C-alpha atoms as a PDB file:
ATOM      1  CA  UNK A   1      -0.419   0.009   0.085  1.00  0.00           C
ATOM      2  CA  UNK A   2       1.560   3.719  -1.113  1.00  0.00           C
ATOM      3  CA  UNK A   3       2.092   5.733   2.017  1.00  0.00           C
ATOM      4  CA  UNK A   4      -0.461   9.063   1.489  1.00  0.00           C
ATOM      5  CA  UNK A   5       1.300  11.907   0.118  1.00  0.00           C
ATOM      6  CA  UNK A   6       1.186  15.178   2.565  1.00  0.00           C
ATOM      7  CA  UNK A   7      -1.567  17.065   1.589  1.00  0.00           C
ATOM      8  CA  UNK A   8      -2.253  21.169   1.741  1.00  0.00           C
ATOM      9  CA  UNK A   9      -5.760  21.929   3.321  1.00  0.00           C
ATOM     10  CA  UNK A  10      -7.073  25.459   3.539  1.00  0.00           C
ATOM     11  CA  UNK A  11      -6.730  27.191   6.998  1.00  0.00           C
ATOM     12  CA  UNK A  12     -10.156  28.213   7.913  1.00  0.00           C
ATOM     13  CA  UNK A  13      -8.550  31.553   9.068  1.00  0.00           C
ATOM     14  CA  UNK A  14      -7.705  32.733   5.319  1.00  0.00           C
ATOM     15  CA  UNK A  15     -11.744  32.960   4.332  1.00  0.00           C
ATOM     16  CA  UNK A  16     -13.174  33.689   7.434  1.00  0.00           C
ATOM     17  CA  UNK A  17     -10.509  36.843   7.910  1.00  0.00           C
ATOM     18  CA  UNK A  18     -10.807  37.805   4.319  1.00  0.00           C
ATOM     19  CA  UNK A  19     -14.791  37.780   4.679  1.00  0.00           C
ATOM     20  CA  UNK A  20     -14.704  40.195   8.054  1.00  0.00           C
ATOM     21  CA  UNK A  21     -12.228  42.643   6.760  1.00  0.00           C
ATOM     22  CA  UNK A  22     -13.991  42.783   3.140  1.00  0.00           C
ATOM     23  CA  UNK A  23     -17.165  43.444   5.185  1.00  0.00           C
ATOM     24  CA  UNK A  24     -15.302  45.565   7.550  1.00  0.00           C
ATOM     25  CA  UNK A  25     -14.372  47.839   4.696  1.00  0.00           C
ATOM     26  CA  UNK A  26     -17.386  48.336   3.259  1.00  0.00           C
ATOM     27  CA  UNK A  27     -19.358  49.048   7.075  1.00  0.00           C
ATOM     28  CA  UNK A  28     -16.911  51.369   7.533  1.00  0.00           C
ATOM     29  CA  UNK A  29     -17.123  52.654   4.054  1.00  0.00           C
ATOM     30  CA  UNK A  30     -21.201  53.319   4.030  1.00  0.00           C
ATOM     31  CA  UNK A  31     -20.568  54.580   7.967  1.00  0.00           C
ATOM     32  CA  UNK A  32     -17.888  57.083   6.453  1.00  0.00           C
ATOM     33  CA  UNK A  33     -20.137  57.920   3.135  1.00  0.00           C
ATOM     34  CA  UNK A  34     -23.492  57.950   4.690  1.00  0.00           C
ATOM     35  CA  UNK A  35     -23.910  58.840   8.283  1.00  0.00           C
ATOM     36  CA  UNK A  36     -26.982  59.956   9.411  1.00  0.00           C
ATOM     37  CA  UNK A  37     -27.369  63.166  10.841  1.00  0.00           C
ATOM     38  CA  UNK A  38     -28.007  62.720  14.086  1.00  0.00           C
ATOM     39  CA  UNK A  39     -25.776  59.282  14.113  1.00  0.00           C
ATOM     40  CA  UNK A  40     -26.792  57.439  17.795  1.00  0.00           C
ATOM     41  CA  UNK A  41     -28.332  60.488  20.037  1.00  0.00           C
ATOM     42  CA  UNK A  42     -26.834  60.084  23.346  1.00  0.00           C
ATOM     43  CA  UNK A  43     -23.288  60.048  22.263  1.00  0.00           C
ATOM     44  CA  UNK A  44     -23.251  61.145  18.486  1.00  0.00           C
ATOM     45  CA  UNK A  45     -21.664  58.172  17.143  1.00  0.00           C
ATOM     46  CA  UNK A  46     -21.323  56.771  14.202  1.00  0.00           C
ATOM     47  CA  UNK A  47     -21.911  52.583  14.992  1.00  0.00           C
ATOM     48  CA  UNK A  48     -21.518  51.569  11.267  1.00  0.00           C
ATOM     49  CA  UNK A  49     -18.093  53.085  11.273  1.00  0.00           C
ATOM     50  CA  UNK A  50     -16.903  51.941  14.207  1.00  0.00           C
ATOM     51  CA  UNK A  51     -17.807  48.449  13.800  1.00  0.00           C
ATOM     52  CA  UNK A  52     -16.530  48.669  10.601  1.00  0.00           C
ATOM     53  CA  UNK A  53     -12.950  49.165  11.958  1.00  0.00           C
ATOM     54  CA  UNK A  54     -13.528  46.354  14.923  1.00  0.00           C
ATOM     55  CA  UNK A  55     -14.728  44.194  11.655  1.00  0.00           C
ATOM     56  CA  UNK A  56     -11.480  44.982  10.019  1.00  0.00           C
ATOM     57  CA  UNK A  57      -9.046  44.726  13.255  1.00  0.00           C
ATOM     58  CA  UNK A  58     -10.797  41.277  13.303  1.00  0.00           C
ATOM     59  CA  UNK A  59     -10.201  40.025  10.098  1.00  0.00           C
ATOM     60  CA  UNK A  60      -6.503  41.326  10.137  1.00  0.00           C
ATOM     61  CA  UNK A  61      -5.984  39.258  13.187  1.00  0.00           C
ATOM     62  CA  UNK A  62      -7.397  36.215  11.610  1.00  0.00           C
ATOM     63  CA  UNK A  63      -5.270  36.660   8.409  1.00  0.00           C
ATOM     64  CA  UNK A  64      -2.192  37.282  10.594  1.00  0.00           C
ATOM     65  CA  UNK A  65      -3.385  34.603  12.356  1.00  0.00           C
ATOM     66  CA  UNK A  66      -3.031  32.210   9.573  1.00  0.00           C
ATOM     67  CA  UNK A  67       0.043  33.633   7.779  1.00  0.00           C
ATOM     68  CA  UNK A  68       1.915  32.701  10.941  1.00  0.00           C
ATOM     69  CA  UNK A  69       0.338  29.155  10.907  1.00  0.00           C
ATOM     70  CA  UNK A  70       1.681  28.783   7.717  1.00  0.00           C
ATOM     71  CA  UNK A  71       4.819  30.054   8.079  1.00  0.00           C
ATOM     72  CA  UNK A  72       5.555  27.630  11.386  1.00  0.00           C
ATOM     73  CA  UNK A  73       3.969  24.640   9.059  1.00  0.00           C
ATOM     74  CA  UNK A  74       6.542  25.663   6.488  1.00  0.00           C
ATOM     75  CA  UNK A  75       9.400  25.489   8.979  1.00  0.00           C
ATOM     76  CA  UNK A  76       8.475  22.267  10.275  1.00  0.00           C
ATOM     77  CA  UNK A  77       8.155  21.006   6.449  1.00  0.00           C
ATOM     78  CA  UNK A  78       4.735  19.326   7.010  1.00  0.00           C
ATOM     79  CA  UNK A  79       1.725  20.765   6.308  1.00  0.00           C
ATOM     80  CA  UNK A  80      -0.781  22.733   9.020  1.00  0.00           C
END
């Protein structure tokens, strides 16, 4: 029986990070471009803009984590 060849698998952090980053950019753009005049009345806070930034930061953290795992796997010589 032949030994199985090492396969490269997709780290789930890549698509999740890209999705959150893209949605964050879209939400931040929407919040910046089409901000309501009153925003949230008590604090005058543009929630779309700030949550867009939060999503971008989370997406970037997921992408950074996936890149770091890929580099570690490459240095060990095996898949993830």
